[in-house]
Amino acid sequence: MAFRIGEKVVYPNHGIGVIEEISTKDINGAMSRFYMLRLNATNSVVMVPLDNIGEVGLRPPITPADCEHLLKLLSDNFTDPPTDWKGRYKDFLDKMRSGDLFSVAEVLKHLTYLNNLKPLSFREKRMLERSRHLVISELIIAWRKPEAIVSNLMDEALKRACTKHERKAARAAAAATR
């Protein structure tokens, strides 16, 4: 997939950026072409080799139609996250690095639920904040709506998912005592 200067793209685990330049650089005697990508969140510039965009996971933002699907995913019930902290963190980290916004949204939903139950570890708290930022920033770009509106819609969806999950768990617990 080729991108043009000025085009918005998603750089996995870093969020939205804009292609500012396509340049050729001499790297160890070989000429390589790079996208010069300015990340919105940090205003830093990242060089992404054109030959590696698939491996890196550089992709266009989701479409407005995908936004509705993402909100539905955020509001749906879910399976319990793994109880083992290390395994859960590794699984969540892999999803964050994948660059797939729907996987990042699953991490957001699980960590939001866990955060409602108990305080998260420092690492999981940072991952919750990061996943929230990545989902909100891409929804803002795709939907072209203000952050306050997107944030409220997302929070309502997450609240519905947590409520559904709590009800399911309560029904399962009640059935187990019969």
N, C-alpha and C. Protein backbone atom coordinates (compact mmCIF):
# COMPACT_ATOMS: atom_id res chain seq x y z
N MET A 1 0.84 -1.17 0.00
CA MET A 1 0.00 0.00 0.00
C MET A 1 0.89 1.24 0.00
N ALA A 2 0.59 2.16 -0.84
CA ALA A 2 1.37 3.40 -0.94
C ALA A 2 0.57 4.56 -0.36
N PHE A 3 1.27 5.44 0.34
CA PHE A 3 0.65 6.63 0.91
C PHE A 3 1.25 7.86 0.25
N ARG A 4 0.52 8.96 0.34
CA ARG A 4 0.96 10.23 -0.25
C ARG A 4 1.28 11.25 0.84
N ILE A 5 2.05 12.22 0.48
CA ILE A 5 2.36 13.31 1.40
C ILE A 5 1.05 13.99 1.81
N GLY A 6 0.92 14.25 3.10
CA GLY A 6 -0.28 14.89 3.65
C GLY A 6 -1.33 13.89 4.11
N GLU A 7 -1.16 12.64 3.78
CA GLU A 7 -2.15 11.62 4.14
C GLU A 7 -1.98 11.22 5.61
N LYS A 8 -3.12 11.02 6.29
CA LYS A 8 -3.11 10.55 7.66
C LYS A 8 -3.01 9.03 7.66
N VAL A 9 -2.16 8.52 8.55
CA VAL A 9 -1.95 7.08 8.68
C VAL A 9 -1.91 6.72 10.16
N VAL A 10 -2.01 5.42 10.43
CA VAL A 10 -1.90 4.93 11.80
C VAL A 10 -0.60 4.15 11.92
N TYR A 11 0.21 4.55 12.89
CA TYR A 11 1.45 3.86 13.21
C TYR A 11 1.17 3.05 14.47
N PRO A 12 1.23 1.71 14.39
CA PRO A 12 0.83 0.86 15.52
C PRO A 12 1.45 1.27 16.85
N ASN A 13 0.61 1.26 17.86
CA ASN A 13 0.95 1.57 19.25
C ASN A 13 1.40 3.02 19.46
N HIS A 14 1.32 3.85 18.41
CA HIS A 14 1.67 5.26 18.53
C HIS A 14 0.54 6.16 18.06
N GLY A 15 -0.35 5.64 17.25
CA GLY A 15 -1.52 6.40 16.85
C GLY A 15 -1.40 7.08 15.49
N ILE A 16 -2.17 8.14 15.36
CA ILE A 16 -2.30 8.86 14.10
C ILE A 16 -1.07 9.71 13.83
N GLY A 17 -0.69 9.72 12.56
CA GLY A 17 0.40 10.58 12.10
C GLY A 17 0.10 11.05 10.70
N VAL A 18 0.89 11.99 10.22
CA VAL A 18 0.73 12.54 8.87
C VAL A 18 2.03 12.33 8.12
N ILE A 19 1.93 11.83 6.88
CA ILE A 19 3.10 11.68 6.02
C ILE A 19 3.54 13.09 5.61
N GLU A 20 4.71 13.51 6.06
CA GLU A 20 5.20 14.85 5.73
C GLU A 20 6.11 14.85 4.51
N GLU A 21 6.77 13.73 4.30
CA GLU A 21 7.76 13.69 3.23
C GLU A 21 8.04 12.23 2.86
N ILE A 22 8.41 12.03 1.63
CA ILE A 22 8.92 10.73 1.19
C ILE A 22 10.33 10.99 0.72
N SER A 23 11.29 10.40 1.42
CA SER A 23 12.69 10.72 1.12
C SER A 23 13.50 9.47 0.84
N THR A 24 14.65 9.68 0.23
CA THR A 24 15.60 8.60 -0.04
C THR A 24 16.85 8.90 0.76
N LYS A 25 17.32 7.88 1.47
CA LYS A 25 18.51 8.04 2.31
C LYS A 25 19.47 6.91 2.03
N ASP A 26 20.75 7.22 2.17
CA ASP A 26 21.80 6.22 2.05
C ASP A 26 21.98 5.56 3.41
N ILE A 27 21.65 4.28 3.51
CA ILE A 27 21.80 3.54 4.76
C ILE A 27 22.79 2.41 4.48
N ASN A 28 23.98 2.52 5.06
CA ASN A 28 25.04 1.51 4.89
C ASN A 28 25.32 1.23 3.41
N GLY A 29 25.36 2.25 2.61
CA GLY A 29 25.70 2.10 1.19
C GLY A 29 24.55 1.72 0.28
N ALA A 30 23.37 1.53 0.85
CA ALA A 30 22.19 1.18 0.03
C ALA A 30 21.19 2.32 0.13
N MET A 31 20.62 2.68 -0.99
CA MET A 31 19.62 3.74 -1.01
C MET A 31 18.26 3.14 -0.60
N SER A 32 17.64 3.75 0.38
CA SER A 32 16.34 3.29 0.87
C SER A 32 15.37 4.46 0.89
N ARG A 33 14.12 4.16 0.61
CA ARG A 33 13.06 5.20 0.63
C ARG A 33 12.30 5.09 1.95
N PHE A 34 11.95 6.27 2.49
CA PHE A 34 11.29 6.35 3.78
C PHE A 34 10.10 7.30 3.74
N TYR A 35 9.08 6.97 4.53
CA TYR A 35 8.05 7.94 4.86
C TYR A 35 8.54 8.68 6.09
N MET A 36 8.49 9.99 6.04
CA MET A 36 8.76 10.80 7.22
C MET A 36 7.39 11.10 7.81
N LEU A 37 7.11 10.50 8.94
CA LEU A 37 5.79 10.52 9.55
C LEU A 37 5.82 11.33 10.83
N ARG A 38 5.01 12.38 10.91
CA ARG A 38 4.90 13.18 12.14
C ARG A 38 3.72 12.65 12.95
N LEU A 39 4.02 12.19 14.18
CA LEU A 39 3.00 11.63 15.06
C LEU A 39 2.24 12.75 15.75
N ASN A 40 0.93 12.69 15.69
CA ASN A 40 0.09 13.73 16.28
C ASN A 40 0.27 13.83 17.80
N ALA A 41 0.38 12.67 18.47
CA ALA A 41 0.41 12.67 19.93
C ALA A 41 1.66 13.32 20.50
N THR A 42 2.80 13.14 19.85
CA THR A 42 4.07 13.62 20.41
C THR A 42 4.74 14.67 19.56
N ASN A 43 4.22 14.91 18.37
CA ASN A 43 4.81 15.83 17.40
C ASN A 43 6.21 15.40 16.97
N SER A 44 6.55 14.13 17.22
CA SER A 44 7.87 13.63 16.81
C SER A 44 7.78 13.07 15.39
N VAL A 45 8.95 12.96 14.75
CA VAL A 45 9.02 12.44 13.39
C VAL A 45 9.63 11.04 13.43
N VAL A 46 9.01 10.13 12.71
CA VAL A 46 9.46 8.75 12.62
C VAL A 46 9.75 8.46 11.16
N MET A 47 10.86 7.77 10.92
CA MET A 47 11.19 7.33 9.57
C MET A 47 10.72 5.88 9.41
N VAL A 48 9.83 5.65 8.45
CA VAL A 48 9.31 4.32 8.21
C VAL A 48 9.74 3.88 6.81
N PRO A 49 10.57 2.82 6.73
CA PRO A 49 11.01 2.35 5.42
C PRO A 49 9.83 1.88 4.57
N LEU A 50 9.77 2.33 3.33
CA LEU A 50 8.68 1.93 2.44
C LEU A 50 8.65 0.41 2.27
N ASP A 51 9.81 -0.23 2.29
CA ASP A 51 9.87 -1.68 2.13
C ASP A 51 9.29 -2.43 3.32
N ASN A 52 9.13 -1.77 4.46
CA ASN A 52 8.68 -2.45 5.68
C ASN A 52 7.31 -2.02 6.18
N ILE A 53 6.55 -1.29 5.40
CA ILE A 53 5.28 -0.79 5.94
C ILE A 53 4.34 -1.92 6.33
N GLY A 54 4.41 -3.04 5.64
CA GLY A 54 3.57 -4.18 6.01
C GLY A 54 4.00 -4.78 7.33
N GLU A 55 5.30 -4.95 7.52
CA GLU A 55 5.82 -5.49 8.77
C GLU A 55 5.58 -4.54 9.93
N VAL A 56 5.75 -3.26 9.67
CA VAL A 56 5.54 -2.24 10.70
C VAL A 56 4.05 -2.14 11.05
N GLY A 57 3.19 -2.36 10.07
CA GLY A 57 1.75 -2.29 10.30
C GLY A 57 1.15 -0.93 9.99
N LEU A 58 1.89 -0.09 9.28
CA LEU A 58 1.37 1.23 8.90
C LEU A 58 0.10 1.03 8.06
N ARG A 59 -0.95 1.74 8.41
CA ARG A 59 -2.23 1.55 7.71
C ARG A 59 -3.02 2.84 7.71
N PRO A 60 -4.04 2.91 6.84
CA PRO A 60 -4.93 4.09 6.88
C PRO A 60 -5.84 4.00 8.11
N PRO A 61 -6.38 5.14 8.55
CA PRO A 61 -7.35 5.10 9.66
C PRO A 61 -8.60 4.33 9.25
N ILE A 62 -9.36 3.91 10.25
CA ILE A 62 -10.62 3.21 9.98
C ILE A 62 -11.59 4.17 9.27
N THR A 63 -12.63 3.60 8.69
CA THR A 63 -13.64 4.38 7.98
C THR A 63 -14.75 4.78 8.95
N PRO A 64 -15.59 5.75 8.57
CA PRO A 64 -16.73 6.10 9.42
C PRO A 64 -17.64 4.89 9.70
N ALA A 65 -17.81 4.01 8.72
CA ALA A 65 -18.64 2.81 8.94
C ALA A 65 -18.01 1.90 10.00
N ASP A 66 -16.68 1.84 10.02
CA ASP A 66 -15.98 1.03 11.03
C ASP A 66 -16.20 1.59 12.44
N CYS A 67 -16.43 2.89 12.55
CA CYS A 67 -16.64 3.52 13.86
C CYS A 67 -17.86 2.92 14.55
N GLU A 68 -18.94 2.75 13.82
CA GLU A 68 -20.15 2.16 14.41
C GLU A 68 -19.87 0.73 14.86
N HIS A 69 -19.16 -0.01 14.02
CA HIS A 69 -18.81 -1.40 14.36
C HIS A 69 -17.93 -1.43 15.62
N LEU A 70 -16.99 -0.50 15.72
CA LEU A 70 -16.11 -0.43 16.88
C LEU A 70 -16.89 -0.12 18.16
N LEU A 71 -17.82 0.82 18.08
CA LEU A 71 -18.63 1.14 19.27
C LEU A 71 -19.48 -0.06 19.69
N LYS A 72 -19.98 -0.80 18.72
CA LYS A 72 -20.74 -2.01 19.03
C LYS A 72 -19.84 -3.02 19.74
N LEU A 73 -18.63 -3.21 19.24
CA LEU A 73 -17.68 -4.11 19.89
C LEU A 73 -17.41 -3.66 21.32
N LEU A 74 -17.24 -2.36 21.52
CA LEU A 74 -16.97 -1.84 22.86
C LEU A 74 -18.14 -2.04 23.81
N SER A 75 -19.36 -2.11 23.29
CA SER A 75 -20.53 -2.26 24.16
C SER A 75 -20.96 -3.71 24.35
N ASP A 76 -20.39 -4.64 23.57
CA ASP A 76 -20.75 -6.05 23.69
C ASP A 76 -20.13 -6.67 24.93
N ASN A 77 -20.79 -7.73 25.40
CA ASN A 77 -20.25 -8.50 26.52
C ASN A 77 -18.95 -9.16 26.08
N PHE A 78 -18.21 -9.71 27.01
CA PHE A 78 -16.90 -10.28 26.71
C PHE A 78 -16.61 -11.42 27.67
N THR A 79 -15.61 -12.21 27.35
CA THR A 79 -15.18 -13.27 28.26
C THR A 79 -14.26 -12.66 29.31
N ASP A 80 -14.17 -13.32 30.43
CA ASP A 80 -13.28 -12.82 31.49
C ASP A 80 -11.85 -12.78 31.00
N PRO A 81 -11.14 -11.70 31.32
CA PRO A 81 -9.72 -11.66 30.96
C PRO A 81 -8.96 -12.68 31.80
N PRO A 82 -7.82 -13.16 31.32
CA PRO A 82 -7.04 -14.12 32.11
C PRO A 82 -6.72 -13.55 33.50
N THR A 83 -6.71 -14.42 34.50
CA THR A 83 -6.44 -13.96 35.86
C THR A 83 -4.94 -13.81 36.12
N ASP A 84 -4.12 -14.57 35.39
CA ASP A 84 -2.67 -14.48 35.53
C ASP A 84 -2.20 -13.14 34.95
N TRP A 85 -1.65 -12.28 35.79
CA TRP A 85 -1.27 -10.94 35.39
C TRP A 85 -0.25 -10.95 34.25
N LYS A 86 0.78 -11.79 34.38
CA LYS A 86 1.84 -11.79 33.37
C LYS A 86 1.32 -12.26 32.01
N GLY A 87 0.53 -13.32 32.00
CA GLY A 87 -0.03 -13.82 30.75
C GLY A 87 -0.97 -12.81 30.12
N ARG A 88 -1.80 -12.20 30.95
CA ARG A 88 -2.75 -11.20 30.47
C ARG A 88 -2.00 -10.00 29.88
N TYR A 89 -0.98 -9.54 30.57
CA TYR A 89 -0.23 -8.38 30.10
C TYR A 89 0.43 -8.69 28.75
N LYS A 90 1.03 -9.87 28.63
CA LYS A 90 1.68 -10.25 27.36
C LYS A 90 0.66 -10.32 26.24
N ASP A 91 -0.49 -10.92 26.50
CA ASP A 91 -1.55 -11.01 25.49
C ASP A 91 -2.02 -9.61 25.08
N PHE A 92 -2.25 -8.75 26.06
CA PHE A 92 -2.68 -7.39 25.78
C PHE A 92 -1.61 -6.60 25.01
N LEU A 93 -0.35 -6.79 25.38
CA LEU A 93 0.75 -6.09 24.71
C LEU A 93 0.82 -6.50 23.24
N ASP A 94 0.64 -7.79 22.97
CA ASP A 94 0.63 -8.26 21.58
C ASP A 94 -0.50 -7.61 20.79
N LYS A 95 -1.66 -7.47 21.41
CA LYS A 95 -2.80 -6.84 20.74
C LYS A 95 -2.53 -5.35 20.50
N MET A 96 -1.89 -4.70 21.44
CA MET A 96 -1.57 -3.28 21.28
C MET A 96 -0.59 -3.08 20.13
N ARG A 97 0.38 -3.97 20.02
CA ARG A 97 1.41 -3.85 18.99
C ARG A 97 0.91 -4.25 17.61
N SER A 98 -0.21 -4.95 17.55
CA SER A 98 -0.72 -5.44 16.27
C SER A 98 -1.10 -4.31 15.32
N GLY A 99 -1.49 -3.18 15.89
CA GLY A 99 -1.93 -2.07 15.05
C GLY A 99 -3.40 -2.15 14.67
N ASP A 100 -4.06 -3.25 15.01
CA ASP A 100 -5.47 -3.43 14.71
C ASP A 100 -6.29 -2.71 15.78
N LEU A 101 -7.06 -1.71 15.38
CA LEU A 101 -7.80 -0.91 16.35
C LEU A 101 -8.84 -1.74 17.09
N PHE A 102 -9.38 -2.75 16.46
CA PHE A 102 -10.39 -3.59 17.12
C PHE A 102 -9.74 -4.43 18.22
N SER A 103 -8.51 -4.86 18.03
CA SER A 103 -7.77 -5.57 19.08
C SER A 103 -7.43 -4.62 20.22
N VAL A 104 -7.03 -3.40 19.88
CA VAL A 104 -6.74 -2.39 20.90
C VAL A 104 -8.01 -2.08 21.70
N ALA A 105 -9.16 -2.05 21.02
CA ALA A 105 -10.44 -1.80 21.70
C ALA A 105 -10.78 -2.93 22.67
N GLU A 106 -10.44 -4.16 22.32
CA GLU A 106 -10.65 -5.28 23.25
C GLU A 106 -9.81 -5.10 24.51
N VAL A 107 -8.57 -4.67 24.35
CA VAL A 107 -7.71 -4.40 25.50
C VAL A 107 -8.33 -3.30 26.35
N LEU A 108 -8.79 -2.25 25.71
CA LEU A 108 -9.43 -1.14 26.41
C LEU A 108 -10.63 -1.63 27.23
N LYS A 109 -11.45 -2.46 26.62
CA LYS A 109 -12.65 -2.95 27.30
C LYS A 109 -12.29 -3.81 28.52
N HIS A 110 -11.35 -4.73 28.34
CA HIS A 110 -10.95 -5.60 29.45
C HIS A 110 -10.30 -4.81 30.58
N LEU A 111 -9.41 -3.89 30.24
CA LEU A 111 -8.74 -3.11 31.29
C LEU A 111 -9.70 -2.15 31.98
N THR A 112 -10.67 -1.62 31.25
CA THR A 112 -11.68 -0.77 31.88
C THR A 112 -12.46 -1.58 32.90
N TYR A 113 -12.86 -2.77 32.52
CA TYR A 113 -13.60 -3.66 33.44
C TYR A 113 -12.76 -3.99 34.67
N LEU A 114 -11.51 -4.40 34.44
CA LEU A 114 -10.64 -4.74 35.57
C LEU A 114 -10.40 -3.54 36.47
N ASN A 115 -10.27 -2.36 35.88
CA ASN A 115 -10.05 -1.13 36.65
C ASN A 115 -11.26 -0.81 37.54
N ASN A 116 -12.46 -1.21 37.08
CA ASN A 116 -13.65 -1.01 37.90
C ASN A 116 -13.69 -1.97 39.09
N LEU A 117 -13.01 -3.12 38.96
CA LEU A 117 -13.00 -4.12 40.03
C LEU A 117 -11.95 -3.84 41.09
N LYS A 118 -10.77 -3.42 40.64
CA LYS A 118 -9.63 -3.26 41.55
C LYS A 118 -8.62 -2.32 40.91
N PRO A 119 -7.72 -1.77 41.70
CA PRO A 119 -6.69 -0.92 41.12
C PRO A 119 -5.78 -1.75 40.20
N LEU A 120 -5.46 -1.19 39.06
CA LEU A 120 -4.57 -1.86 38.12
C LEU A 120 -3.12 -1.64 38.52
N SER A 121 -2.26 -2.54 38.06
CA SER A 121 -0.82 -2.34 38.25
C SER A 121 -0.40 -1.10 37.45
N PHE A 122 0.77 -0.60 37.73
CA PHE A 122 1.27 0.57 37.02
C PHE A 122 1.29 0.33 35.53
N ARG A 123 1.80 -0.83 35.10
CA ARG A 123 1.89 -1.14 33.66
C ARG A 123 0.52 -1.25 33.01
N GLU A 124 -0.41 -1.90 33.69
CA GLU A 124 -1.75 -2.03 33.11
C GLU A 124 -2.47 -0.69 33.09
N LYS A 125 -2.22 0.14 34.08
CA LYS A 125 -2.82 1.47 34.08
C LYS A 125 -2.32 2.29 32.89
N ARG A 126 -1.02 2.21 32.61
CA ARG A 126 -0.45 2.91 31.45
C ARG A 126 -1.03 2.34 30.15
N MET A 127 -1.20 1.02 30.10
CA MET A 127 -1.77 0.39 28.91
C MET A 127 -3.22 0.81 28.71
N LEU A 128 -3.97 0.94 29.80
CA LEU A 128 -5.35 1.42 29.73
C LEU A 128 -5.38 2.83 29.14
N GLU A 129 -4.53 3.70 29.65
CA GLU A 129 -4.47 5.07 29.14
C GLU A 129 -4.08 5.10 27.67
N ARG A 130 -3.11 4.27 27.30
CA ARG A 130 -2.63 4.23 25.91
C ARG A 130 -3.72 3.71 24.98
N SER A 131 -4.38 2.63 25.38
CA SER A 131 -5.44 2.06 24.53
C SER A 131 -6.58 3.06 24.37
N ARG A 132 -6.90 3.74 25.44
CA ARG A 132 -7.96 4.76 25.38
C ARG A 132 -7.58 5.87 24.40
N HIS A 133 -6.35 6.34 24.50
CA HIS A 133 -5.87 7.39 23.60
C HIS A 133 -5.92 6.92 22.14
N LEU A 134 -5.44 5.72 21.88
CA LEU A 134 -5.40 5.22 20.50
C LEU A 134 -6.80 5.10 19.91
N VAL A 135 -7.74 4.58 20.69
CA VAL A 135 -9.11 4.41 20.18
C VAL A 135 -9.76 5.77 19.96
N ILE A 136 -9.67 6.64 20.94
CA ILE A 136 -10.30 7.97 20.81
C ILE A 136 -9.71 8.75 19.64
N SER A 137 -8.39 8.76 19.54
CA SER A 137 -7.77 9.58 18.48
C SER A 137 -8.14 9.10 17.09
N GLU A 138 -8.26 7.79 16.92
CA GLU A 138 -8.64 7.30 15.59
C GLU A 138 -10.12 7.53 15.31
N LEU A 139 -10.96 7.38 16.32
CA LEU A 139 -12.38 7.67 16.13
C LEU A 139 -12.60 9.15 15.77
N ILE A 140 -11.85 10.03 16.41
CA ILE A 140 -11.96 11.47 16.12
C ILE A 140 -11.64 11.74 14.65
N ILE A 141 -10.57 11.13 14.15
CA ILE A 141 -10.16 11.33 12.75
C ILE A 141 -11.20 10.74 11.79
N ALA A 142 -11.63 9.51 12.08
CA ALA A 142 -12.54 8.82 11.16
C ALA A 142 -13.93 9.45 11.15
N TRP A 143 -14.43 9.83 12.32
CA TRP A 143 -15.78 10.36 12.44
C TRP A 143 -15.85 11.86 12.22
N ARG A 144 -14.73 12.52 12.42
CA ARG A 144 -14.66 13.98 12.34
C ARG A 144 -15.62 14.63 13.34
N LYS A 145 -15.55 14.11 14.56
CA LYS A 145 -16.35 14.66 15.66
C LYS A 145 -15.40 15.13 16.75
N PRO A 146 -15.85 16.07 17.57
CA PRO A 146 -15.01 16.56 18.67
C PRO A 146 -14.69 15.47 19.69
N GLU A 147 -13.55 15.63 20.36
CA GLU A 147 -13.10 14.64 21.33
C GLU A 147 -14.13 14.41 22.43
N ALA A 148 -14.78 15.45 22.91
CA ALA A 148 -15.75 15.29 24.00
C ALA A 148 -16.90 14.36 23.59
N ILE A 149 -17.38 14.50 22.37
CA ILE A 149 -18.48 13.65 21.89
C ILE A 149 -18.00 12.21 21.75
N VAL A 150 -16.85 12.03 21.11
CA VAL A 150 -16.31 10.69 20.91
C VAL A 150 -16.03 10.02 22.25
N SER A 151 -15.44 10.75 23.17
CA SER A 151 -15.12 10.20 24.49
C SER A 151 -16.39 9.76 25.22
N ASN A 152 -17.44 10.59 25.16
CA ASN A 152 -18.70 10.23 25.82
C ASN A 152 -19.33 8.99 25.20
N LEU A 153 -19.34 8.91 23.87
CA LEU A 153 -19.90 7.74 23.19
C LEU A 153 -19.13 6.47 23.57
N MET A 154 -17.82 6.59 23.61
CA MET A 154 -16.98 5.45 23.96
C MET A 154 -17.20 5.04 25.42
N ASP A 155 -17.27 6.01 26.32
CA ASP A 155 -17.49 5.70 27.73
C ASP A 155 -18.85 5.03 27.95
N GLU A 156 -19.88 5.48 27.24
CA GLU A 156 -21.20 4.86 27.34
C GLU A 156 -21.15 3.41 26.86
N ALA A 157 -20.45 3.17 25.76
CA ALA A 157 -20.32 1.81 25.22
C ALA A 157 -19.58 0.92 26.22
N LEU A 158 -18.51 1.41 26.78
CA LEU A 158 -17.75 0.62 27.76
C LEU A 158 -18.58 0.34 29.01
N LYS A 159 -19.37 1.30 29.43
CA LYS A 159 -20.22 1.11 30.61
C LYS A 159 -21.26 0.01 30.33
N ARG A 160 -21.83 0.02 29.13
CA ARG A 160 -22.80 -1.04 28.76
C ARG A 160 -22.14 -2.41 28.78
N ALA A 161 -20.93 -2.51 28.26
CA ALA A 161 -20.22 -3.80 28.25
C ALA A 161 -19.95 -4.29 29.66
N CYS A 162 -19.50 -3.40 30.53
CA CYS A 162 -19.21 -3.79 31.91
C CYS A 162 -20.48 -4.21 32.64
N THR A 163 -21.58 -3.50 32.41
CA THR A 163 -22.86 -3.85 33.03
C THR A 163 -23.33 -5.22 32.55
N LYS A 164 -23.25 -5.47 31.24
CA LYS A 164 -23.63 -6.77 30.69
C LYS A 164 -22.79 -7.88 31.31
N HIS A 165 -21.51 -7.64 31.43
CA HIS A 165 -20.61 -8.66 31.96
C HIS A 165 -20.91 -8.93 33.44
N GLU A 166 -21.16 -7.89 34.20
CA GLU A 166 -21.48 -8.06 35.62
C GLU A 166 -22.78 -8.83 35.79
N ARG A 167 -23.79 -8.54 34.97
CA ARG A 167 -25.06 -9.28 35.04
C ARG A 167 -24.86 -10.75 34.70
N LYS A 168 -24.07 -11.01 33.67
CA LYS A 168 -23.80 -12.40 33.28
C LYS A 168 -23.08 -13.14 34.41
N ALA A 169 -22.12 -12.50 35.02
CA ALA A 169 -21.37 -13.12 36.12
C ALA A 169 -22.29 -13.36 37.31
N ALA A 170 -23.19 -12.42 37.59
CA ALA A 170 -24.13 -12.59 38.71
C ALA A 170 -25.09 -13.76 38.44
N ARG A 171 -25.58 -13.88 37.20
CA ARG A 171 -26.46 -15.01 36.84
C ARG A 171 -25.73 -16.34 36.97
N ALA A 172 -24.47 -16.36 36.54
CA ALA A 172 -23.68 -17.59 36.64
C ALA A 172 -23.44 -17.96 38.09
N ALA A 173 -23.17 -16.98 38.93
CA ALA A 173 -22.95 -17.25 40.35
C ALA A 173 -24.23 -17.74 41.02
N ALA A 174 -25.37 -17.15 40.64
CA ALA A 174 -26.66 -17.57 41.20
C ALA A 174 -27.00 -18.99 40.75
N ALA A 175 -26.72 -19.31 39.53
CA ALA A 175 -26.99 -20.66 39.01
C ALA A 175 -26.10 -21.69 39.68
N ALA A 176 -24.89 -21.30 40.03
CA ALA A 176 -23.94 -22.23 40.68
C ALA A 176 -24.35 -22.56 42.11
N THR A 177 -25.11 -21.67 42.76
CA THR A 177 -25.52 -21.90 44.14
C THR A 177 -26.82 -22.68 44.25
N ARG A 178 -27.48 -22.94 43.11
CA ARG A 178 -28.74 -23.69 43.16
C ARG A 178 -28.50 -25.16 43.24
